[in-house]
N, C-alpha and C. Protein backbone atom coordinates (compact mmCIF):
# COMPACT_ATOMS: atom_id res chain seq x y z
N UNK A 1 0.84 -1.19 0.00
CA UNK A 1 0.00 0.00 0.00
C UNK A 1 0.88 1.24 0.00
N UNK A 2 0.64 2.16 -0.91
CA UNK A 2 1.45 3.38 -1.00
C UNK A 2 0.88 4.45 -0.07
N UNK A 3 1.76 5.10 0.65
CA UNK A 3 1.34 6.20 1.51
C UNK A 3 1.65 7.50 0.81
N UNK A 4 1.08 8.59 1.30
CA UNK A 4 1.36 9.90 0.74
C UNK A 4 2.84 10.20 0.76
N UNK A 5 3.51 9.84 1.84
CA UNK A 5 4.93 10.12 1.98
C UNK A 5 5.78 9.40 0.96
N UNK A 6 5.41 8.16 0.61
CA UNK A 6 6.22 7.41 -0.33
C UNK A 6 6.13 7.99 -1.74
N UNK A 7 5.13 8.77 -2.04
CA UNK A 7 5.02 9.36 -3.37
C UNK A 7 6.03 10.49 -3.58
N UNK A 8 6.70 10.89 -2.52
CA UNK A 8 7.72 11.92 -2.63
C UNK A 8 9.10 11.34 -2.87
N UNK A 9 9.28 10.05 -2.66
CA UNK A 9 10.57 9.43 -2.88
C UNK A 9 11.51 9.63 -1.71
N UNK A 10 12.79 9.67 -2.02
CA UNK A 10 13.80 9.80 -0.98
C UNK A 10 14.52 11.13 -1.08
N UNK A 11 14.97 11.61 0.04
CA UNK A 11 15.76 12.84 0.11
C UNK A 11 17.17 12.56 -0.43
N UNK A 12 17.87 13.60 -0.77
CA UNK A 12 19.25 13.43 -1.24
C UNK A 12 20.16 12.88 -0.16
N UNK A 13 19.76 12.99 1.10
CA UNK A 13 20.57 12.43 2.19
C UNK A 13 20.33 10.93 2.34
N UNK A 14 19.31 10.41 1.63
CA UNK A 14 19.03 8.98 1.65
C UNK A 14 17.82 8.57 2.47
N UNK A 15 17.30 9.43 3.32
CA UNK A 15 16.14 9.11 4.14
C UNK A 15 14.85 9.25 3.32
N UNK A 16 13.84 8.49 3.69
CA UNK A 16 12.52 8.61 3.06
C UNK A 16 11.80 9.81 3.65
N UNK A 17 11.11 10.56 2.79
CA UNK A 17 10.35 11.71 3.25
C UNK A 17 9.13 11.27 4.07
N UNK A 18 8.76 12.08 5.05
CA UNK A 18 7.52 11.92 5.80
C UNK A 18 6.53 12.94 5.27
N UNK A 19 5.32 12.49 4.95
CA UNK A 19 4.28 13.41 4.47
C UNK A 19 3.64 14.11 5.66
N UNK A 20 3.34 15.38 5.45
CA UNK A 20 2.70 16.19 6.50
C UNK A 20 1.69 17.13 5.86
N UNK A 21 0.75 17.56 6.67
CA UNK A 21 -0.17 18.63 6.28
C UNK A 21 0.17 19.81 7.17
N UNK A 22 0.43 20.96 6.55
CA UNK A 22 0.88 22.14 7.29
C UNK A 22 0.00 23.34 6.97
N UNK A 23 0.20 24.40 7.72
CA UNK A 23 -0.42 25.69 7.43
C UNK A 23 0.62 26.58 6.78
N UNK A 24 0.20 27.30 5.75
CA UNK A 24 1.06 28.26 5.07
C UNK A 24 0.44 29.63 5.28
N UNK A 25 1.20 30.54 5.86
CA UNK A 25 0.71 31.90 6.12
C UNK A 25 1.18 32.82 5.00
N UNK A 26 0.22 33.53 4.42
CA UNK A 26 0.49 34.48 3.34
C UNK A 26 0.21 35.88 3.84
N UNK A 27 1.12 36.79 3.64
CA UNK A 27 0.91 38.18 4.02
C UNK A 27 0.61 38.98 2.75
N UNK A 28 -0.53 39.63 2.75
CA UNK A 28 -0.91 40.43 1.60
C UNK A 28 -1.42 41.78 2.05
N UNK A 29 -2.01 42.51 1.12
CA UNK A 29 -2.51 43.84 1.44
C UNK A 29 -3.73 43.79 2.35
N UNK A 30 -4.44 42.67 2.35
CA UNK A 30 -5.63 42.51 3.20
C UNK A 30 -5.30 41.82 4.51
N UNK A 31 -4.05 41.83 4.92
CA UNK A 31 -3.65 41.14 6.14
C UNK A 31 -3.11 39.77 5.83
N UNK A 32 -3.10 38.92 6.83
CA UNK A 32 -2.56 37.58 6.67
C UNK A 32 -3.67 36.59 6.33
N UNK A 33 -3.39 35.74 5.38
CA UNK A 33 -4.29 34.66 5.01
C UNK A 33 -3.59 33.35 5.36
N UNK A 34 -4.35 32.36 5.80
CA UNK A 34 -3.77 31.08 6.17
C UNK A 34 -4.35 29.99 5.28
N UNK A 35 -3.48 29.27 4.62
CA UNK A 35 -3.88 28.09 3.86
C UNK A 35 -3.68 26.89 4.79
N UNK A 36 -4.72 26.12 4.99
CA UNK A 36 -4.65 24.98 5.90
C UNK A 36 -4.57 23.67 5.13
N UNK A 37 -4.01 22.66 5.78
CA UNK A 37 -3.91 21.30 5.23
C UNK A 37 -3.17 21.27 3.89
N UNK A 38 -2.07 22.00 3.82
CA UNK A 38 -1.23 22.02 2.62
C UNK A 38 -0.26 20.84 2.72
N UNK A 39 -0.27 19.93 1.72
CA UNK A 39 0.61 18.77 1.80
C UNK A 39 2.06 19.13 1.45
N UNK A 40 2.97 18.60 2.24
CA UNK A 40 4.39 18.69 1.93
C UNK A 40 5.07 17.46 2.47
N UNK A 41 6.32 17.28 2.10
CA UNK A 41 7.12 16.18 2.62
C UNK A 41 8.32 16.77 3.33
N UNK A 42 8.66 16.18 4.47
CA UNK A 42 9.81 16.65 5.25
C UNK A 42 10.73 15.47 5.50
N UNK A 43 12.02 15.72 5.42
CA UNK A 43 13.01 14.69 5.69
C UNK A 43 13.23 14.61 7.20
N UNK A 44 13.04 13.44 7.79
CA UNK A 44 13.25 13.32 9.23
C UNK A 44 14.73 13.38 9.62
N UNK A 45 15.61 13.21 8.65
CA UNK A 45 17.04 13.20 8.91
C UNK A 45 17.67 14.59 8.85
N UNK A 46 17.45 15.30 7.74
CA UNK A 46 18.13 16.59 7.56
C UNK A 46 17.18 17.79 7.58
N UNK A 47 15.87 17.54 7.56
CA UNK A 47 14.92 18.64 7.67
C UNK A 47 14.49 19.29 6.37
N UNK A 48 14.99 18.83 5.23
CA UNK A 48 14.59 19.40 3.94
C UNK A 48 13.09 19.22 3.77
N UNK A 49 12.43 20.24 3.22
CA UNK A 49 11.00 20.19 2.96
C UNK A 49 10.76 20.38 1.48
N UNK A 50 9.82 19.62 0.92
CA UNK A 50 9.50 19.72 -0.50
C UNK A 50 8.00 19.74 -0.70
N UNK A 51 7.58 20.47 -1.74
CA UNK A 51 6.18 20.52 -2.16
C UNK A 51 6.10 19.95 -3.56
N UNK A 52 4.97 19.37 -3.91
CA UNK A 52 4.70 18.98 -5.29
C UNK A 52 4.50 20.25 -6.11
N UNK A 53 4.80 20.20 -7.40
CA UNK A 53 4.69 21.38 -8.26
C UNK A 53 3.27 21.93 -8.28
N UNK A 54 2.27 21.07 -8.33
CA UNK A 54 0.88 21.54 -8.37
C UNK A 54 0.51 22.28 -7.08
N UNK A 55 1.05 21.84 -5.95
CA UNK A 55 0.78 22.51 -4.68
C UNK A 55 1.43 23.89 -4.68
N UNK A 56 2.66 23.97 -5.16
CA UNK A 56 3.34 25.28 -5.24
C UNK A 56 2.58 26.25 -6.14
N UNK A 57 2.04 25.75 -7.23
CA UNK A 57 1.25 26.61 -8.13
C UNK A 57 0.03 27.17 -7.41
N UNK A 58 -0.64 26.33 -6.60
CA UNK A 58 -1.82 26.80 -5.85
C UNK A 58 -1.41 27.82 -4.79
N UNK A 59 -0.28 27.60 -4.13
CA UNK A 59 0.21 28.55 -3.13
C UNK A 59 0.53 29.87 -3.79
N UNK A 60 1.21 29.83 -4.93
CA UNK A 60 1.57 31.06 -5.66
C UNK A 60 0.33 31.81 -6.11
N UNK A 61 -0.69 31.08 -6.58
CA UNK A 61 -1.93 31.73 -7.02
C UNK A 61 -2.63 32.40 -5.84
N UNK A 62 -2.67 31.73 -4.70
CA UNK A 62 -3.30 32.31 -3.50
C UNK A 62 -2.51 33.52 -3.03
N UNK A 63 -1.19 33.45 -3.11
CA UNK A 63 -0.35 34.59 -2.71
C UNK A 63 -0.60 35.79 -3.63
N UNK A 64 -0.66 35.54 -4.92
CA UNK A 64 -0.94 36.62 -5.87
C UNK A 64 -2.29 37.25 -5.62
N UNK A 65 -3.29 36.45 -5.30
CA UNK A 65 -4.63 36.97 -5.01
C UNK A 65 -4.63 37.77 -3.71
N UNK A 66 -3.81 37.36 -2.74
CA UNK A 66 -3.79 38.08 -1.46
C UNK A 66 -3.07 39.42 -1.56
N UNK A 67 -2.24 39.59 -2.57
CA UNK A 67 -1.49 40.83 -2.75
C UNK A 67 -2.25 41.83 -3.61
N UNK A 68 -3.34 41.40 -4.22
CA UNK A 68 -4.11 42.27 -5.12
C UNK A 68 -4.89 43.32 -4.37
C-alpha cells in the first residue's frame, strides 16, 4: 500500500520523506491569510521540505490573489 509520503521518494541524504499537512501563512494587502492542510514532505534526517509542483502553483496563485 502506497502512503502519501512514499510518493515523494527519498531525500538526497538517503532518508525517506515523511508526508505532513501544514499551514502556510500568506501576508498580503488585506492582512494575513492562512492556507490549511497544505501537503508537503519533510526529511526526518536533515529537515529538507519539498512541495509537489501543483501545490506550489496553488500557493503562488493564492499569494498573488492576497497581494491584489
